Amino acid sequence: EKLWLGHGYQSEFIFNAGGRKLEDPHNVELAVLLDTGLIGLTLWFAMYAALLRKTVELRHDKTIQLVSALACYGVFAGLTEGSAFLSRPNENWFLTWIPVALFAALSIRQRMQAPA
C-alpha cells in the first residue's frame, strides 16, 4: 500500500492469511521495508554495502575480519528472525547494531592509527 515511504515506525501490522492473523514479519529486512518503505530499505542496504566496502579495504586486520563475520551472520540471521530493528535494546541488537557499532569503532581506530 505504501511502497515508497512505508507505514511508519512502530505501526501495527495485522495481515489476514487464510483466516489466521499474522502480526510479525520475523524478518528484519521485511520489517524495514514495511516500516520505512523502499527508501528506508535502500538506506539499510547502503549501510551494509558501506560496511562491506570497508571490510574489503581493511581485510588484513583480524579484528575487522571477526566483526565482519558477526555482521554477516546478523544479516543472514535477520532473514529468519527479528523485526524490531530500532526498538529498545533487545536480542535483535546482537544481529544488527552491535556488529555495526563494533565495526565503526574499529574502522575509526584504524583511521586514527594510519600514518597521515
Protein backbone atom coordinates (compact mmCIF):
# COMPACT_ATOMS: atom_id res chain seq x y z
CA GLU A 1 0.00 0.00 0.00
CA LYS A 2 2.76 2.47 0.92
CA LEU A 3 5.69 1.20 -1.10
CA TRP A 4 7.99 4.23 -1.13
CA LEU A 5 7.78 5.54 2.45
CA GLY A 6 6.30 2.58 4.31
CA HIS A 7 3.75 2.63 7.09
CA GLY A 8 5.89 4.42 9.66
CA TYR A 9 7.91 3.25 12.60
CA GLN A 10 6.07 1.04 15.11
CA SER A 11 2.93 0.86 13.03
CA GLU A 12 0.72 -2.13 13.64
CA PHE A 13 0.75 -4.84 11.00
CA ILE A 14 -2.01 -7.39 11.06
CA PHE A 15 -2.45 -9.44 7.91
CA ASN A 16 -5.21 -11.96 7.44
CA ALA A 17 -4.00 -15.07 5.65
CA GLY A 18 -6.36 -18.00 5.37
CA GLY A 19 -8.34 -16.94 8.41
CA ARG A 20 -5.21 -16.55 10.56
CA LYS A 21 -3.87 -13.25 11.81
CA LEU A 22 -0.19 -12.64 11.12
CA GLU A 23 1.39 -9.82 13.12
CA ASP A 24 5.17 -10.19 12.99
CA PRO A 25 7.20 -10.48 9.76
CA HIS A 26 10.05 -12.40 11.51
CA ASN A 27 12.46 -10.82 9.04
CA VAL A 28 14.46 -7.67 9.74
CA GLU A 29 14.70 -6.60 6.12
CA LEU A 30 10.96 -7.11 5.58
CA ALA A 31 10.27 -5.12 8.76
CA VAL A 32 12.48 -2.30 7.45
CA LEU A 33 10.56 -2.38 4.15
CA LEU A 34 7.17 -2.32 5.88
CA ASP A 35 8.16 0.45 8.31
CA THR A 36 10.27 2.71 6.09
CA GLY A 37 9.43 1.67 2.52
CA LEU A 38 11.80 1.23 -0.38
CA ILE A 39 13.67 4.39 0.56
CA GLY A 40 14.47 3.05 4.02
CA LEU A 41 15.34 -0.40 2.69
CA THR A 42 17.72 1.20 0.19
CA LEU A 43 19.42 3.08 3.04
CA TRP A 44 19.54 -0.16 5.06
CA PHE A 45 21.33 -1.97 2.24
CA ALA A 46 23.59 1.07 1.68
CA MET A 47 24.71 0.79 5.31
CA TYR A 48 25.71 -2.83 4.76
CA ALA A 49 27.28 -2.03 1.38
CA ALA A 50 29.48 0.61 3.03
CA LEU A 51 30.42 -1.91 5.71
CA LEU A 52 31.32 -4.48 3.03
CA ARG A 53 33.42 -1.96 1.11
CA LYS A 54 35.33 -1.02 4.24
CA THR A 55 35.73 -4.71 5.14
CA VAL A 56 37.45 -5.38 1.83
CA GLU A 57 39.64 -2.31 2.33
CA LEU A 58 40.72 -3.40 5.85
CA ARG A 59 40.68 -7.18 5.29
CA HIS A 60 44.20 -7.65 6.71
CA ASP A 61 43.08 -6.76 10.26
CA LYS A 62 41.97 -9.82 12.24
CA THR A 63 39.53 -7.89 14.43
CA ILE A 64 37.87 -6.41 11.32
CA GLN A 65 37.51 -9.96 9.98
CA LEU A 66 35.86 -11.09 13.21
CA VAL A 67 33.41 -8.19 13.38
CA SER A 68 32.66 -8.55 9.66
CA ALA A 69 31.77 -12.19 10.26
CA LEU A 70 29.42 -11.10 13.07
CA ALA A 71 27.79 -8.52 10.79
CA CYS A 72 27.43 -11.11 8.02
CA TYR A 73 25.87 -13.54 10.49
CA GLY A 74 23.50 -10.78 11.62
CA VAL A 75 22.33 -10.06 8.07
CA PHE A 76 21.53 -13.68 7.34
CA ALA A 77 20.10 -14.44 10.78
CA GLY A 78 17.89 -11.36 10.36
CA LEU A 79 16.33 -13.03 7.33
CA THR A 80 14.83 -15.71 9.55
CA GLU A 81 14.22 -13.92 12.85
CA GLY A 82 13.76 -10.45 14.15
CA SER A 83 11.62 -7.45 13.31
CA ALA A 84 12.14 -4.66 15.84
CA PHE A 85 15.22 -3.10 14.27
CA LEU A 86 15.05 0.23 16.17
CA SER A 87 13.39 -0.76 19.41
CA ARG A 88 14.81 -0.72 22.88
CA PRO A 89 17.91 -2.87 23.31
CA ASN A 90 16.88 -6.47 22.79
CA GLU A 91 18.14 -9.62 21.09
CA ASN A 92 17.85 -8.05 17.63
CA TRP A 93 20.62 -5.64 18.56
CA PHE A 94 23.03 -8.58 18.62
CA LEU A 95 22.17 -9.15 14.96
CA THR A 96 22.33 -5.59 13.69
CA TRP A 97 23.52 -2.70 15.80
CA ILE A 98 26.25 -4.22 17.96
CA PRO A 99 28.26 -5.61 14.99
CA VAL A 100 27.78 -2.34 13.07
CA ALA A 101 28.88 -0.29 16.10
CA LEU A 102 31.91 -2.51 16.70
CA PHE A 103 32.85 -2.24 13.05
CA ALA A 104 32.52 1.55 13.15
CA ALA A 105 34.72 1.74 16.25
CA LEU A 106 37.39 -0.48 14.68
CA SER A 107 37.26 1.49 11.45
CA ILE A 108 37.71 4.77 13.33
CA ARG A 109 40.58 3.26 15.32
CA GLN A 110 42.22 2.11 12.08
CA ARG A 111 41.85 5.59 10.58
CA MET A 112 43.36 7.23 13.68
CA GLN A 113 46.39 4.88 13.62
CA ALA A 114 47.04 5.28 9.89
CA PRO A 115 50.01 7.50 9.03
CA ALA A 116 48.98 10.88 7.63
